[in-house]
């Protein structure tokens, strides 16, 4: 597939991922999911801007395309912070990462144009951001279910390998004086890794949200379980009381010379009563 084909594929996948996350956000109404939706929206904007590199104003598409993609990663990490720590304050280091990235991208696009150095600077900054994320959130890994932890680690490893691969391909296929149109192999690899990374991250974030939802349901069940043994809820106590009452009437009917008919209504437990006593 050509570079243009990968760019269009990335744009299509980004739009699909964003819409999927948006639907989940509207349904769940959970703030971290809203931040994740913003992240995928930035990824979508990035893909559309990078697809415009064939237009005359290539500097704008390169600068803003890379900045929006860097912002998408920062928002994913920010959403994860809200998800686990309920901390919605924007960390200063995220602003520093974004500022340094903006300076590097603008410098190597407008003042000292170089596909090689711009790509290396972006990959290096993304790697630092990745290491920051792992060191900050590693204490939450042990509390995750094995499947969730494996999915997250696989996504993180793939993301870091994609950054390392970008550095290697940039070093071997481009020169400091190369133009964007000449870096076909590098651009194709970047688009391909972006497509796979977007799918990995959406899947992982959905699994994390499902894991949190199941944990909340388990906590609610632990709260409701003691109430099921009291009269505060129609639970185990009332159900056992119903069975005792029915058993007493059945014994009374067996002692009487004629059948005894009785009607007891318990809609929630009707099927179990019918299966037990007929």
Protein backbone atom coordinates (compact mmCIF):
# COMPACT_ATOMS: atom_id res chain seq x y z
CA UNK A 1 0.00 0.00 0.00
CA UNK A 2 1.30 3.49 -0.86
CA UNK A 3 1.98 6.27 1.62
CA UNK A 4 -1.23 8.02 0.57
CA UNK A 5 -3.17 4.80 1.10
CA UNK A 6 -1.79 4.38 4.62
CA UNK A 7 -2.58 8.02 5.39
CA UNK A 8 -6.19 7.60 4.26
CA UNK A 9 -6.41 4.31 6.18
CA UNK A 10 -5.14 6.05 9.31
CA UNK A 11 -7.69 8.82 8.84
CA UNK A 12 -10.51 6.28 8.47
CA UNK A 13 -9.43 4.24 11.50
CA UNK A 14 -9.00 7.39 13.60
CA UNK A 15 -12.50 8.56 12.76
CA UNK A 16 -13.95 5.12 13.55
CA UNK A 17 -12.03 4.93 16.85
CA UNK A 18 -13.13 8.44 17.83
CA UNK A 19 -16.80 7.72 17.08
CA UNK A 20 -16.63 4.43 19.01
CA UNK A 21 -15.13 6.15 22.05
CA UNK A 22 -17.66 8.99 21.74
CA UNK A 23 -20.59 6.55 21.81
CA UNK A 24 -19.17 4.84 24.91
CA UNK A 25 -18.60 8.24 26.56
CA UNK A 26 -22.19 9.35 25.95
CA UNK A 27 -23.47 6.07 27.38
CA UNK A 28 -21.18 5.88 30.45
CA UNK A 29 -20.87 9.63 31.21
CA UNK A 30 -17.51 9.03 32.87
CA UNK A 31 -14.99 11.91 32.83
CA UNK A 32 -11.89 9.82 31.96
CA UNK A 33 -13.73 8.41 28.95
CA UNK A 34 -14.51 11.95 27.83
CA UNK A 35 -10.80 12.79 28.00
CA UNK A 36 -10.03 9.63 25.99
CA UNK A 37 -12.57 10.79 23.39
CA UNK A 38 -10.73 14.13 23.19
CA UNK A 39 -7.48 12.20 22.67
CA UNK A 40 -8.90 10.23 19.76
CA UNK A 41 -10.40 13.43 18.35
CA UNK A 42 -6.89 14.92 18.33
CA UNK A 43 -5.65 11.76 16.62
CA UNK A 44 -8.36 12.16 13.98
CA UNK A 45 -7.42 15.80 13.38
CA UNK A 46 -3.76 14.76 13.17
CA UNK A 47 -4.51 12.12 10.54
CA UNK A 48 -6.51 14.57 8.43
CA UNK A 49 -3.77 17.21 8.65
CA UNK A 50 -1.03 14.72 7.76
CA UNK A 51 -3.14 13.62 4.78
CA UNK A 52 -2.98 17.24 3.54
CA UNK A 53 0.81 17.18 3.07
CA UNK A 54 0.33 17.18 -0.70
CA UNK A 55 -1.15 20.70 -0.49
CA UNK A 56 0.87 23.89 -0.86
CA UNK A 57 1.01 24.78 2.83
CA UNK A 58 2.91 21.67 3.89
CA UNK A 59 4.48 23.33 6.95
CA UNK A 60 1.08 23.90 8.57
CA UNK A 61 -0.02 20.31 8.02
CA UNK A 62 3.26 18.88 9.36
CA UNK A 63 3.45 21.15 12.42
CA UNK A 64 -0.17 20.89 13.49
CA UNK A 65 -0.46 17.23 12.49
CA UNK A 66 2.45 16.22 14.73
CA UNK A 67 1.35 18.51 17.57
CA UNK A 68 -2.17 17.08 17.61
CA UNK A 69 -0.76 13.56 17.61
CA UNK A 70 1.54 14.37 20.54
CA UNK A 71 -1.43 15.95 22.33
CA UNK A 72 -3.46 12.78 21.77
CA UNK A 73 -0.87 10.72 23.68
CA UNK A 74 -0.71 13.28 26.48
CA UNK A 75 -4.51 13.25 26.79
CA UNK A 76 -4.53 9.44 27.00
CA UNK A 77 -2.06 9.61 29.89
CA UNK A 78 -4.05 12.46 31.48
CA UNK A 79 -7.28 10.47 31.19
CA UNK A 80 -5.55 7.49 32.82
CA UNK A 81 -4.51 9.76 35.70
CA UNK A 82 -8.14 10.82 36.21
CA UNK A 83 -9.25 7.21 35.84
CA UNK A 84 -7.06 5.86 38.65
CA UNK A 85 -6.39 8.88 40.88
CA UNK A 86 -9.49 11.08 40.40
CA UNK A 87 -7.02 13.91 39.83
CA UNK A 88 -8.25 16.31 37.13
CA UNK A 89 -5.52 18.92 37.56
CA UNK A 90 -3.34 19.26 34.46
CA UNK A 91 0.24 18.27 35.44
CA UNK A 92 2.93 20.85 34.71
CA UNK A 93 5.15 18.24 33.07
CA UNK A 94 2.49 17.61 30.39
CA UNK A 95 2.63 21.28 29.45
CA UNK A 96 6.44 21.08 29.32
CA UNK A 97 6.31 18.02 27.04
CA UNK A 98 3.88 19.76 24.70
CA UNK A 99 5.92 22.98 24.71
CA UNK A 100 9.22 21.20 23.98
CA UNK A 101 7.53 19.18 21.23
CA UNK A 102 6.11 22.33 19.65
CA UNK A 103 9.51 24.05 19.67
CA UNK A 104 11.26 21.02 18.13
CA UNK A 105 8.63 20.48 15.43
CA UNK A 106 8.47 24.17 14.48
CA UNK A 107 12.28 24.52 14.44
CA UNK A 108 12.91 21.49 12.25
CA UNK A 109 10.07 22.46 9.90
CA UNK A 110 10.36 26.24 9.44
CA UNK A 111 13.89 27.25 10.45
CA UNK A 112 16.11 24.21 9.90
CA UNK A 113 14.01 21.85 7.81
CA UNK A 114 14.95 18.22 8.42
CA UNK A 115 12.69 15.18 8.28
CA UNK A 116 15.36 13.16 10.09
CA UNK A 117 15.87 15.45 13.08
CA UNK A 118 12.18 16.23 13.40
CA UNK A 119 11.32 12.54 13.44
CA UNK A 120 14.11 11.75 15.92
CA UNK A 121 13.07 14.59 18.23
CA UNK A 122 9.43 13.50 18.14
CA UNK A 123 10.28 9.84 18.79
CA UNK A 124 12.64 10.75 21.64
CA UNK A 125 10.06 13.00 23.30
CA UNK A 126 7.37 10.32 22.92
CA UNK A 127 9.70 7.78 24.53
CA UNK A 128 10.31 10.08 27.51
CA UNK A 129 6.55 10.56 27.84
CA UNK A 130 6.08 6.79 27.66
CA UNK A 131 8.66 6.13 30.40
CA UNK A 132 7.02 8.80 32.56
CA UNK A 133 3.67 7.06 32.13
CA UNK A 134 5.02 3.61 33.05
CA UNK A 135 6.90 4.85 36.13
CA UNK A 136 3.89 6.81 37.35
CA UNK A 137 1.24 4.11 36.91
CA UNK A 138 3.19 0.92 37.52
CA UNK A 139 1.84 0.76 41.10
CA UNK A 140 -1.63 0.12 39.69
CA UNK A 141 -0.57 -2.83 37.54
CA UNK A 142 -0.72 -5.44 40.32
CA UNK A 143 -4.36 -4.53 41.12
CA UNK A 144 -5.50 -5.28 37.57
CA UNK A 145 -6.87 -8.60 36.43
CA UNK A 146 -4.23 -10.65 34.56
CA UNK A 147 -6.04 -10.24 31.23
CA UNK A 148 -6.33 -6.47 31.63
CA UNK A 149 -2.72 -6.14 32.76
CA UNK A 150 -1.50 -8.22 29.81
CA UNK A 151 -3.50 -6.10 27.34
CA UNK A 152 -2.16 -2.85 28.79
CA UNK A 153 1.43 -4.09 28.83
CA UNK A 154 1.09 -5.32 25.23
CA UNK A 155 -0.18 -1.89 24.17
CA UNK A 156 2.60 -0.09 26.02
CA UNK A 157 5.28 -2.39 24.59
CA UNK A 158 3.94 -1.98 21.05
CA UNK A 159 3.83 1.79 21.48
CA UNK A 160 7.45 1.94 22.65
CA UNK A 161 8.62 -0.46 19.92
CA UNK A 162 6.92 1.77 17.34
CA UNK A 163 8.92 4.75 18.65
CA UNK A 164 12.16 2.75 18.54
CA UNK A 165 11.33 1.53 15.03
CA UNK A 166 10.71 5.11 13.95
CA UNK A 167 14.17 6.11 15.16
CA UNK A 168 15.85 3.16 13.39
CA UNK A 169 14.03 3.68 10.09
CA UNK A 170 14.71 7.42 10.20
CA UNK A 171 18.44 6.83 10.70
CA UNK A 172 18.74 4.27 7.89
CA UNK A 173 16.39 5.69 5.24
CA UNK A 174 16.65 9.48 5.52
CA UNK A 175 19.29 12.19 5.50
CA UNK A 176 19.31 15.52 7.32
CA UNK A 177 18.56 17.20 4.00
CA UNK A 178 15.77 14.82 2.94
CA UNK A 179 12.34 16.26 2.14
CA UNK A 180 9.04 14.83 3.35
CA UNK A 181 8.23 13.52 -0.13
CA UNK A 182 11.54 11.62 -0.21
CA UNK A 183 10.99 9.85 3.15
CA UNK A 184 8.50 7.36 1.75
CA UNK A 185 9.57 4.41 3.91
CA UNK A 186 9.54 6.48 7.10
CA UNK A 187 6.16 8.08 6.40
CA UNK A 188 4.60 4.72 5.48
CA UNK A 189 5.91 3.16 8.70
CA UNK A 190 4.61 6.07 10.78
CA UNK A 191 1.12 5.79 9.28
CA UNK A 192 1.07 2.00 9.74
CA UNK A 193 2.17 2.22 13.39
CA UNK A 194 -0.41 4.95 14.04
CA UNK A 195 -3.21 2.73 12.70
CA UNK A 196 -2.25 -0.27 14.87
CA UNK A 197 -1.59 1.91 17.91
CA UNK A 198 -5.04 3.55 17.72
CA UNK A 199 -6.77 0.15 17.65
CA UNK A 200 -4.61 -1.15 20.53
CA UNK A 201 -5.31 1.86 22.72
CA UNK A 202 -9.08 1.86 22.14
CA UNK A 203 -9.30 -1.86 22.98
CA UNK A 204 -7.18 -1.45 26.10
CA UNK A 205 -9.14 1.56 27.36
CA UNK A 206 -12.43 -0.31 26.91
CA UNK A 207 -11.01 -3.24 28.90
CA UNK A 208 -9.84 -0.89 31.66
CA UNK A 209 -13.29 0.69 31.85
CA UNK A 210 -14.98 -2.73 31.99
CA UNK A 211 -12.58 -3.79 34.75
CA UNK A 212 -13.45 -0.69 36.77
CA UNK A 213 -17.18 -1.25 36.17
CA UNK A 214 -16.98 -4.86 37.39
CA UNK A 215 -15.05 -3.74 40.48
CA UNK A 216 -17.77 -1.19 41.28
CA UNK A 217 -20.48 -3.84 40.88
CA UNK A 218 -18.61 -6.19 43.22
CA UNK A 219 -18.43 -3.44 45.85
CA UNK A 220 -22.17 -2.85 45.53
CA UNK A 221 -22.83 -6.57 45.91
CA UNK A 222 -20.76 -6.66 49.10
CA UNK A 223 -22.83 -3.78 50.47
CA UNK A 224 -26.16 -5.39 49.55
CA UNK A 225 -25.26 -8.90 50.69
CA UNK A 226 -25.73 -8.24 54.45
CA UNK A 227 -29.06 -6.56 53.74
CA UNK A 228 -30.32 -9.71 52.04
CA UNK A 229 -30.35 -11.43 55.46
CA UNK A 230 -32.58 -8.76 57.03
CA UNK A 231 -36.03 -7.30 56.43
CA UNK A 232 -34.49 -4.21 54.81
CA UNK A 233 -34.57 -5.91 51.42
CA UNK A 234 -36.69 -8.70 49.98
CA UNK A 235 -33.83 -11.13 50.10
CA UNK A 236 -32.74 -14.41 51.61
CA UNK A 237 -34.55 -13.88 54.93
CA UNK A 238 -37.95 -13.24 53.35
CA UNK A 239 -37.43 -16.04 50.86
CA UNK A 240 -36.68 -18.55 53.64
CA UNK A 241 -39.68 -17.25 55.57
CA UNK A 242 -41.86 -17.88 52.53
CA UNK A 243 -40.58 -21.45 52.19
CA UNK A 244 -41.25 -22.12 55.90
CA UNK A 245 -44.80 -20.80 55.58
CA UNK A 246 -45.52 -22.91 52.52
CA UNK A 247 -44.07 -26.01 54.21
CA UNK A 248 -46.34 -25.47 57.24
CA UNK A 249 -49.43 -25.23 55.03
CA UNK A 250 -48.39 -28.34 53.10
CA UNK A 251 -48.06 -30.32 56.37
CA UNK A 252 -51.45 -29.01 57.50
CA UNK A 253 -53.03 -30.10 54.22
CA UNK A 254 -51.54 -33.59 54.64
CA UNK A 255 -53.15 -33.94 58.11
CA UNK A 256 -56.59 -32.77 57.01
CA UNK A 257 -59.06 -35.19 55.40
CA UNK A 258 -59.71 -32.78 52.58
CA UNK A 259 -57.37 -30.72 50.36
CA UNK A 260 -56.37 -27.27 51.56
CA UNK A 261 -56.03 -24.55 48.94
CA UNK A 262 -53.92 -21.47 49.63
CA UNK A 263 -52.61 -18.64 47.47
CA UNK A 264 -49.31 -16.87 48.14
CA UNK A 265 -48.06 -14.17 45.75
CA UNK A 266 -44.35 -13.50 45.44
CA UNK A 267 -43.69 -12.38 41.91
CA UNK A 268 -39.92 -12.11 42.32
CA UNK A 269 -39.66 -15.69 43.56
CA UNK A 270 -42.64 -17.25 41.76
CA UNK A 271 -40.65 -19.55 39.45
CA UNK A 272 -38.58 -21.02 42.30
CA UNK A 273 -41.71 -21.62 44.41
CA UNK A 274 -43.51 -23.24 41.49
CA UNK A 275 -40.53 -25.50 40.71
CA UNK A 276 -40.23 -26.55 44.37
CA UNK A 277 -43.85 -27.04 45.45
CA UNK A 278 -45.81 -27.22 42.17
